[in-house]
């Protein structure tokens, strides 16, 4: 015969076990189903990577847009748009029949960008705030997603990429421009970048080193099914292969 105290004991044990589970209070609640990024993250720096004239002098935006095959009528997202260096040039390239969505988590930068868009009369540009673990992009909407000199600042890359992936249209691709140096020095090792994208269901389709862009160019496409958050295995930063990720 079951004791009348048995349900109480079972409930108490369950509550005790639940109370012992660590809570990652240093991470957004919306990220905790995803693995932690076991690498340093650069502090958010200036939205201006260098002066726009310097970047134009070395043909940075033109080089990247040519590599990404940006043309009239395309719909493009500019993640981490900042002051809008790429936003305004993408708007000119896609033309009146195209669209550009500029996204950033820096509200002050978005206000300045909004003033620029209004001043320049860029009617094919819209602006939207994002979150540290979610670009908040509409599903099935973009031919290209640009992430230029900002990926190393993403604190929750697995959650961010997982939520970004559905925003791509069929055949859509993600463009990353970054620098090959430690992740806490405003760059990211290309092999680590490849790994983090691969773990969320992306495949590298192009990679190139170009002085015009002051770093490297990487292009990805989504393949297969998107994994469940708990199925994602975190990547190890090169040189830390012996690190115990469970500690």
C-alpha atoms as a PDB file:
ATOM      1  CA  UNK A   1       0.000   0.000   0.000  1.00  0.00           C
ATOM      2  CA  UNK A   2       1.406   3.406  -0.996  1.00  0.00           C
ATOM      3  CA  UNK A   3       2.088   5.741   1.865  1.00  0.00           C
ATOM      4  CA  UNK A   4       0.042   8.912   1.893  1.00  0.00           C
ATOM      5  CA  UNK A   5       3.307  10.763   2.248  1.00  0.00           C
ATOM      6  CA  UNK A   6       4.750   9.358  -1.023  1.00  0.00           C
ATOM      7  CA  UNK A   7       3.416  12.132  -3.330  1.00  0.00           C
ATOM      8  CA  UNK A   8       4.758  14.753  -0.920  1.00  0.00           C
ATOM      9  CA  UNK A   9       8.198  13.094  -0.820  1.00  0.00           C
ATOM     10  CA  UNK A  10       8.359  12.791  -4.622  1.00  0.00           C
ATOM     11  CA  UNK A  11       7.399  16.418  -5.067  1.00  0.00           C
ATOM     12  CA  UNK A  12       9.995  17.511  -2.528  1.00  0.00           C
ATOM     13  CA  UNK A  13      12.724  15.560  -4.313  1.00  0.00           C
ATOM     14  CA  UNK A  14      11.728  17.092  -7.662  1.00  0.00           C
ATOM     15  CA  UNK A  15      11.792  20.591  -6.203  1.00  0.00           C
ATOM     16  CA  UNK A  16      15.184  19.970  -4.627  1.00  0.00           C
ATOM     17  CA  UNK A  17      16.637  18.720  -7.910  1.00  0.00           C
ATOM     18  CA  UNK A  18      15.203  21.686  -9.762  1.00  0.00           C
ATOM     19  CA  UNK A  19      16.632  24.081  -7.205  1.00  0.00           C
ATOM     20  CA  UNK A  20      20.094  22.550  -7.709  1.00  0.00           C
ATOM     21  CA  UNK A  21      20.109  23.182 -11.466  1.00  0.00           C
ATOM     22  CA  UNK A  22      22.405  26.120 -12.229  1.00  0.00           C
ATOM     23  CA  UNK A  23      20.725  29.217 -13.642  1.00  0.00           C
ATOM     24  CA  UNK A  24      22.815  31.131 -16.168  1.00  0.00           C
ATOM     25  CA  UNK A  25      21.945  34.563 -14.878  1.00  0.00           C
ATOM     26  CA  UNK A  26      24.702  36.123 -16.980  1.00  0.00           C
ATOM     27  CA  UNK A  27      22.851  35.183 -20.181  1.00  0.00           C
ATOM     28  CA  UNK A  28      19.493  36.338 -21.586  1.00  0.00           C
ATOM     29  CA  UNK A  29      16.705  33.975 -20.610  1.00  0.00           C
ATOM     30  CA  UNK A  30      15.873  33.587 -24.305  1.00  0.00           C
ATOM     31  CA  UNK A  31      19.366  32.183 -24.961  1.00  0.00           C
ATOM     32  CA  UNK A  32      19.574  29.516 -22.287  1.00  0.00           C
ATOM     33  CA  UNK A  33      18.254  26.671 -24.453  1.00  0.00           C
ATOM     34  CA  UNK A  34      21.311  27.179 -26.680  1.00  0.00           C
ATOM     35  CA  UNK A  35      24.936  26.352 -25.886  1.00  0.00           C
ATOM     36  CA  UNK A  36      27.194  29.058 -24.573  1.00  0.00           C
ATOM     37  CA  UNK A  37      29.874  30.393 -26.918  1.00  0.00           C
ATOM     38  CA  UNK A  38      33.149  29.136 -25.450  1.00  0.00           C
ATOM     39  CA  UNK A  39      35.209  32.048 -26.721  1.00  0.00           C
ATOM     40  CA  UNK A  40      35.755  35.659 -25.713  1.00  0.00           C
ATOM     41  CA  UNK A  41      33.519  38.298 -27.274  1.00  0.00           C
ATOM     42  CA  UNK A  42      34.653  41.747 -28.344  1.00  0.00           C
ATOM     43  CA  UNK A  43      33.117  44.705 -26.615  1.00  0.00           C
ATOM     44  CA  UNK A  44      30.804  46.690 -28.842  1.00  0.00           C
ATOM     45  CA  UNK A  45      32.989  49.277 -30.456  1.00  0.00           C
ATOM     46  CA  UNK A  46      32.497  52.246 -32.707  1.00  0.00           C
ATOM     47  CA  UNK A  47      29.905  51.773 -35.430  1.00  0.00           C
ATOM     48  CA  UNK A  48      32.339  53.392 -37.860  1.00  0.00           C
ATOM     49  CA  UNK A  49      34.980  50.783 -38.732  1.00  0.00           C
ATOM     50  CA  UNK A  50      36.957  53.576 -40.419  1.00  0.00           C
ATOM     51  CA  UNK A  51      35.965  56.686 -42.314  1.00  0.00           C
ATOM     52  CA  UNK A  52      33.618  56.129 -45.221  1.00  0.00           C
ATOM     53  CA  UNK A  53      35.964  57.932 -47.584  1.00  0.00           C
ATOM     54  CA  UNK A  54      38.811  55.582 -46.652  1.00  0.00           C
ATOM     55  CA  UNK A  55      36.572  52.601 -47.240  1.00  0.00           C
ATOM     56  CA  UNK A  56      35.420  53.938 -50.570  1.00  0.00           C
ATOM     57  CA  UNK A  57      38.992  54.719 -51.599  1.00  0.00           C
ATOM     58  CA  UNK A  58      39.829  51.032 -51.313  1.00  0.00           C
ATOM     59  CA  UNK A  59      36.502  50.071 -52.938  1.00  0.00           C
ATOM     60  CA  UNK A  60      35.357  48.052 -49.933  1.00  0.00           C
ATOM     61  CA  UNK A  61      31.585  48.124 -50.401  1.00  0.00           C
ATOM     62  CA  UNK A  62      31.798  47.706 -54.168  1.00  0.00           C
ATOM     63  CA  UNK A  63      34.095  44.695 -53.764  1.00  0.00           C
ATOM     64  CA  UNK A  64      31.811  43.019 -51.234  1.00  0.00           C
ATOM     65  CA  UNK A  65      28.605  43.746 -53.156  1.00  0.00           C
ATOM     66  CA  UNK A  66      30.179  42.426 -56.353  1.00  0.00           C
ATOM     67  CA  UNK A  67      31.289  39.239 -54.587  1.00  0.00           C
ATOM     68  CA  UNK A  68      27.797  38.819 -53.135  1.00  0.00           C
ATOM     69  CA  UNK A  69      26.234  39.381 -56.575  1.00  0.00           C
ATOM     70  CA  UNK A  70      23.946  42.157 -55.330  1.00  0.00           C
ATOM     71  CA  UNK A  71      21.677  43.452 -58.062  1.00  0.00           C
ATOM     72  CA  UNK A  72      18.515  45.415 -58.735  1.00  0.00           C
ATOM     73  CA  UNK A  73      15.344  44.140 -57.107  1.00  0.00           C
ATOM     74  CA  UNK A  74      17.024  42.128 -54.342  1.00  0.00           C
ATOM     75  CA  UNK A  75      16.030  42.291 -50.681  1.00  0.00           C
ATOM     76  CA  UNK A  76      18.964  42.601 -48.289  1.00  0.00           C
ATOM     77  CA  UNK A  77      19.367  42.841 -44.500  1.00  0.00           C
ATOM     78  CA  UNK A  78      22.276  44.842 -43.077  1.00  0.00           C
ATOM     79  CA  UNK A  79      22.870  43.452 -39.567  1.00  0.00           C
ATOM     80  CA  UNK A  80      24.809  45.758 -37.268  1.00  0.00           C
ATOM     81  CA  UNK A  81      24.198  48.593 -39.700  1.00  0.00           C
ATOM     82  CA  UNK A  82      25.639  51.254 -37.414  1.00  0.00           C
ATOM     83  CA  UNK A  83      26.042  54.570 -39.199  1.00  0.00           C
ATOM     84  CA  UNK A  84      24.819  53.003 -42.449  1.00  0.00           C
ATOM     85  CA  UNK A  85      27.932  52.700 -44.616  1.00  0.00           C
ATOM     86  CA  UNK A  86      26.634  49.532 -46.253  1.00  0.00           C
ATOM     87  CA  UNK A  87      22.958  50.412 -45.895  1.00  0.00           C
ATOM     88  CA  UNK A  88      23.084  53.428 -48.195  1.00  0.00           C
ATOM     89  CA  UNK A  89      25.292  51.697 -50.766  1.00  0.00           C
ATOM     90  CA  UNK A  90      23.119  48.592 -50.783  1.00  0.00           C
ATOM     91  CA  UNK A  91      20.071  50.815 -51.259  1.00  0.00           C
ATOM     92  CA  UNK A  92      21.647  52.325 -54.366  1.00  0.00           C
ATOM     93  CA  UNK A  93      22.622  48.904 -55.729  1.00  0.00           C
ATOM     94  CA  UNK A  94      19.224  47.186 -55.283  1.00  0.00           C
ATOM     95  CA  UNK A  95      17.376  50.236 -56.643  1.00  0.00           C
ATOM     96  CA  UNK A  96      13.764  51.282 -56.335  1.00  0.00           C
ATOM     97  CA  UNK A  97      12.525  47.735 -56.906  1.00  0.00           C
ATOM     98  CA  UNK A  98      14.681  46.353 -54.078  1.00  0.00           C
ATOM     99  CA  UNK A  99      14.585  46.676 -50.306  1.00  0.00           C
ATOM    100  CA  UNK A 100      17.166  47.072 -47.534  1.00  0.00           C
ATOM    101  CA  UNK A 101      16.434  46.421 -43.864  1.00  0.00           C
ATOM    102  CA  UNK A 102      18.987  48.026 -41.533  1.00  0.00           C
ATOM    103  CA  UNK A 103      19.217  46.408 -38.089  1.00  0.00           C
ATOM    104  CA  UNK A 104      21.270  47.194 -34.982  1.00  0.00           C
ATOM    105  CA  UNK A 105      21.024  46.892 -31.198  1.00  0.00           C
ATOM    106  CA  UNK A 106      22.412  50.422 -30.725  1.00  0.00           C
ATOM    107  CA  UNK A 107      19.359  52.666 -30.555  1.00  0.00           C
ATOM    108  CA  UNK A 108      21.396  55.873 -30.815  1.00  0.00           C
ATOM    109  CA  UNK A 109      23.073  54.616 -33.987  1.00  0.00           C
ATOM    110  CA  UNK A 110      19.688  53.700 -35.435  1.00  0.00           C
ATOM    111  CA  UNK A 111      18.372  57.190 -34.740  1.00  0.00           C
ATOM    112  CA  UNK A 112      21.337  58.718 -36.551  1.00  0.00           C
ATOM    113  CA  UNK A 113      20.867  56.273 -39.407  1.00  0.00           C
ATOM    114  CA  UNK A 114      17.186  57.137 -39.543  1.00  0.00           C
ATOM    115  CA  UNK A 115      18.068  60.803 -39.929  1.00  0.00           C
ATOM    116  CA  UNK A 116      20.481  59.913 -42.718  1.00  0.00           C
ATOM    117  CA  UNK A 117      17.929  57.796 -44.541  1.00  0.00           C
ATOM    118  CA  UNK A 118      15.340  60.563 -44.297  1.00  0.00           C
ATOM    119  CA  UNK A 119      17.818  63.244 -45.371  1.00  0.00           C
ATOM    120  CA  UNK A 120      18.940  61.212 -48.400  1.00  0.00           C
ATOM    121  CA  UNK A 121      15.386  60.242 -49.332  1.00  0.00           C
ATOM    122  CA  UNK A 122      16.092  56.492 -49.297  1.00  0.00           C
ATOM    123  CA  UNK A 123      12.551  55.199 -49.640  1.00  0.00           C
ATOM    124  CA  UNK A 124      13.687  51.595 -50.140  1.00  0.00           C
ATOM    125  CA  UNK A 125      15.294  51.419 -46.669  1.00  0.00           C
ATOM    126  CA  UNK A 126      13.585  50.450 -43.429  1.00  0.00           C
ATOM    127  CA  UNK A 127      15.108  50.336 -39.948  1.00  0.00           C
ATOM    128  CA  UNK A 128      14.488  47.859 -37.145  1.00  0.00           C
ATOM    129  CA  UNK A 129      16.089  47.281 -33.726  1.00  0.00           C
ATOM    130  CA  UNK A 130      17.424  43.813 -32.976  1.00  0.00           C
ATOM    131  CA  UNK A 131      18.399  41.895 -29.847  1.00  0.00           C
ATOM    132  CA  UNK A 132      21.696  40.352 -28.733  1.00  0.00           C
ATOM    133  CA  UNK A 133      20.385  36.856 -29.463  1.00  0.00           C
ATOM    134  CA  UNK A 134      17.846  37.560 -32.203  1.00  0.00           C
ATOM    135  CA  UNK A 135      18.102  39.736 -35.324  1.00  0.00           C
ATOM    136  CA  UNK A 136      14.282  39.824 -35.416  1.00  0.00           C
ATOM    137  CA  UNK A 137      14.087  39.441 -39.165  1.00  0.00           C
ATOM    138  CA  UNK A 138      10.831  38.445 -40.913  1.00  0.00           C
ATOM    139  CA  UNK A 139      10.798  34.881 -42.215  1.00  0.00           C
ATOM    140  CA  UNK A 140      11.441  34.015 -45.869  1.00  0.00           C
ATOM    141  CA  UNK A 141      12.306  37.601 -46.751  1.00  0.00           C
ATOM    142  CA  UNK A 142      15.945  38.070 -47.767  1.00  0.00           C
ATOM    143  CA  UNK A 143      18.164  37.204 -50.707  1.00  0.00           C
ATOM    144  CA  UNK A 144      21.247  38.263 -48.759  1.00  0.00           C
ATOM    145  CA  UNK A 145      22.016  39.007 -45.117  1.00  0.00           C
ATOM    146  CA  UNK A 146      25.122  41.140 -44.488  1.00  0.00           C
ATOM    147  CA  UNK A 147      27.142  40.924 -41.251  1.00  0.00           C
ATOM    148  CA  UNK A 148      30.110  43.247 -41.746  1.00  0.00           C
ATOM    149  CA  UNK A 149      32.787  43.692 -39.047  1.00  0.00           C
ATOM    150  CA  UNK A 150      30.277  42.821 -36.334  1.00  0.00           C
ATOM    151  CA  UNK A 151      30.049  39.034 -35.946  1.00  0.00           C
ATOM    152  CA  UNK A 152      32.775  39.021 -33.277  1.00  0.00           C
ATOM    153  CA  UNK A 153      30.516  41.198 -31.082  1.00  0.00           C
ATOM    154  CA  UNK A 154      27.644  38.684 -31.002  1.00  0.00           C
ATOM    155  CA  UNK A 155      27.495  37.253 -27.483  1.00  0.00           C
ATOM    156  CA  UNK A 156      25.019  34.464 -28.324  1.00  0.00           C
ATOM    157  CA  UNK A 157      26.028  33.259 -31.812  1.00  0.00           C
ATOM    158  CA  UNK A 158      24.108  29.953 -31.773  1.00  0.00           C
ATOM    159  CA  UNK A 159      20.800  31.536 -30.759  1.00  0.00           C
ATOM    160  CA  UNK A 160      21.388  34.459 -33.120  1.00  0.00           C
ATOM    161  CA  UNK A 161      22.201  32.331 -36.182  1.00  0.00           C
ATOM    162  CA  UNK A 162      19.411  29.851 -35.382  1.00  0.00           C
ATOM    163  CA  UNK A 163      16.816  32.623 -35.310  1.00  0.00           C
ATOM    164  CA  UNK A 164      18.321  34.342 -38.337  1.00  0.00           C
ATOM    165  CA  UNK A 165      18.250  31.305 -40.626  1.00  0.00           C
ATOM    166  CA  UNK A 166      14.471  31.280 -41.386  1.00  0.00           C
ATOM    167  CA  UNK A 167      14.738  34.844 -42.709  1.00  0.00           C
ATOM    168  CA  UNK A 168      16.537  33.629 -45.839  1.00  0.00           C
ATOM    169  CA  UNK A 169      14.580  33.014 -48.994  1.00  0.00           C
ATOM    170  CA  UNK A 170      15.268  29.890 -51.022  1.00  0.00           C
ATOM    171  CA  UNK A 171      18.763  30.352 -52.402  1.00  0.00           C
ATOM    172  CA  UNK A 172      19.471  33.179 -49.955  1.00  0.00           C
ATOM    173  CA  UNK A 173      22.932  33.562 -48.486  1.00  0.00           C
ATOM    174  CA  UNK A 174      24.714  35.177 -45.542  1.00  0.00           C
ATOM    175  CA  UNK A 175      27.735  37.428 -46.099  1.00  0.00           C
ATOM    176  CA  UNK A 176      30.295  37.858 -43.306  1.00  0.00           C
ATOM    177  CA  UNK A 177      33.221  40.285 -43.453  1.00  0.00           C
ATOM    178  CA  UNK A 178      35.609  40.128 -40.513  1.00  0.00           C
ATOM    179  CA  UNK A 179      39.275  40.062 -39.503  1.00  0.00           C
ATOM    180  CA  UNK A 180      41.423  37.035 -38.643  1.00  0.00           C
ATOM    181  CA  UNK A 181      42.476  37.824 -35.096  1.00  0.00           C
ATOM    182  CA  UNK A 182      41.368  36.834 -31.564  1.00  0.00           C
ATOM    183  CA  UNK A 183      37.674  37.234 -30.836  1.00  0.00           C
ATOM    184  CA  UNK A 184      38.315  39.683 -27.996  1.00  0.00           C
ATOM    185  CA  UNK A 185      40.336  41.912 -30.338  1.00  0.00           C
ATOM    186  CA  UNK A 186      37.549  42.738 -32.791  1.00  0.00           C
ATOM    187  CA  UNK A 187      38.034  39.767 -35.072  1.00  0.00           C
ATOM    188  CA  UNK A 188      37.388  36.035 -35.271  1.00  0.00           C
ATOM    189  CA  UNK A 189      39.392  33.071 -36.486  1.00  0.00           C
ATOM    190  CA  UNK A 190      37.848  31.944 -39.808  1.00  0.00           C
ATOM    191  CA  UNK A 191      37.840  28.287 -38.711  1.00  0.00           C
ATOM    192  CA  UNK A 192      35.821  29.188 -35.621  1.00  0.00           C
ATOM    193  CA  UNK A 193      33.428  31.211 -37.763  1.00  0.00           C
ATOM    194  CA  UNK A 194      32.982  28.245 -40.127  1.00  0.00           C
ATOM    195  CA  UNK A 195      32.334  25.920 -37.187  1.00  0.00           C
ATOM    196  CA  UNK A 196      29.698  28.116 -35.516  1.00  0.00           C
ATOM    197  CA  UNK A 197      27.792  28.506 -38.776  1.00  0.00           C
ATOM    198  CA  UNK A 198      28.056  24.776 -39.533  1.00  0.00           C
ATOM    199  CA  UNK A 199      26.632  23.817 -36.123  1.00  0.00           C
ATOM    200  CA  UNK A 200      23.431  25.743 -36.919  1.00  0.00           C
ATOM    201  CA  UNK A 201      23.033  24.262 -40.402  1.00  0.00           C
ATOM    202  CA  UNK A 202      24.988  26.502 -42.770  1.00  0.00           C
ATOM    203  CA  UNK A 203      27.537  25.565 -45.414  1.00  0.00           C
ATOM    204  CA  UNK A 204      30.466  27.712 -46.517  1.00  0.00           C
ATOM    205  CA  UNK A 205      30.211  28.458 -50.252  1.00  0.00           C
ATOM    206  CA  UNK A 206      32.910  31.123 -50.694  1.00  0.00           C
ATOM    207  CA  UNK A 207      35.886  32.447 -48.767  1.00  0.00           C
ATOM    208  CA  UNK A 208      38.401  35.054 -49.853  1.00  0.00           C
ATOM    209  CA  UNK A 209      41.074  37.312 -48.406  1.00  0.00           C
ATOM    210  CA  UNK A 210      41.003  40.782 -49.888  1.00  0.00           C
ATOM    211  CA  UNK A 211      42.933  43.906 -48.910  1.00  0.00           C
ATOM    212  CA  UNK A 212      40.019  46.039 -50.130  1.00  0.00           C
ATOM    213  CA  UNK A 213      37.880  44.860 -47.231  1.00  0.00           C
ATOM    214  CA  UNK A 214      40.601  44.938 -44.556  1.00  0.00           C
ATOM    215  CA  UNK A 215      39.966  41.315 -43.692  1.00  0.00           C
ATOM    216  CA  UNK A 216      38.225  38.278 -45.151  1.00  0.00           C
ATOM    217  CA  UNK A 217      34.983  37.572 -46.977  1.00  0.00           C
ATOM    218  CA  UNK A 218      32.879  34.499 -46.171  1.00  0.00           C
ATOM    219  CA  UNK A 219      29.584  33.446 -47.764  1.00  0.00           C
ATOM    220  CA  UNK A 220      27.210  30.820 -46.363  1.00  0.00           C
ATOM    221  CA  UNK A 221      23.990  29.095 -47.388  1.00  0.00           C
ATOM    222  CA  UNK A 222      21.514  27.126 -45.295  1.00  0.00           C
ATOM    223  CA  UNK A 223      21.488  23.356 -45.828  1.00  0.00           C
ATOM    224  CA  UNK A 224      19.409  20.541 -44.400  1.00  0.00           C
ATOM    225  CA  UNK A 225      17.126  20.901 -41.427  1.00  0.00           C
ATOM    226  CA  UNK A 226      17.701  23.448 -38.718  1.00  0.00           C
ATOM    227  CA  UNK A 227      18.847  21.583 -35.575  1.00  0.00           C
ATOM    228  CA  UNK A 228      16.973  21.803 -32.312  1.00  0.00           C
ATOM    229  CA  UNK A 229      18.704  24.111 -29.813  1.00  0.00           C
ATOM    230  CA  UNK A 230      19.688  21.237 -27.511  1.00  0.00           C
ATOM    231  CA  UNK A 231      21.253  19.369 -30.443  1.00  0.00           C
ATOM    232  CA  UNK A 232      23.815  22.100 -31.150  1.00  0.00           C
ATOM    233  CA  UNK A 233      27.352  21.208 -30.056  1.00  0.00           C
ATOM    234  CA  UNK A 234      29.434  24.278 -29.171  1.00  0.00           C
ATOM    235  CA  UNK A 235      32.669  24.919 -31.037  1.00  0.00           C
ATOM    236  CA  UNK A 236      36.035  25.207 -29.327  1.00  0.00           C
ATOM    237  CA  UNK A 237      38.232  28.177 -30.096  1.00  0.00           C
ATOM    238  CA  UNK A 238      41.372  27.071 -31.979  1.00  0.00           C
ATOM    239  CA  UNK A 239      44.107  26.322 -29.459  1.00  0.00           C
ATOM    240  CA  UNK A 240      41.603  25.382 -26.739  1.00  0.00           C
ATOM    241  CA  UNK A 241      40.859  21.867 -27.998  1.00  0.00           C
ATOM    242  CA  UNK A 242      41.737  20.386 -24.611  1.00  0.00           C
ATOM    243  CA  UNK A 243      39.310  22.597 -22.725  1.00  0.00           C
ATOM    244  CA  UNK A 244      36.540  20.827 -20.779  1.00  0.00           C
ATOM    245  CA  UNK A 245      33.358  22.563 -21.915  1.00  0.00           C
ATOM    246  CA  UNK A 246      31.336  20.950 -19.136  1.00  0.00           C
ATOM    247  CA  UNK A 247      33.278  22.595 -16.329  1.00  0.00           C
END
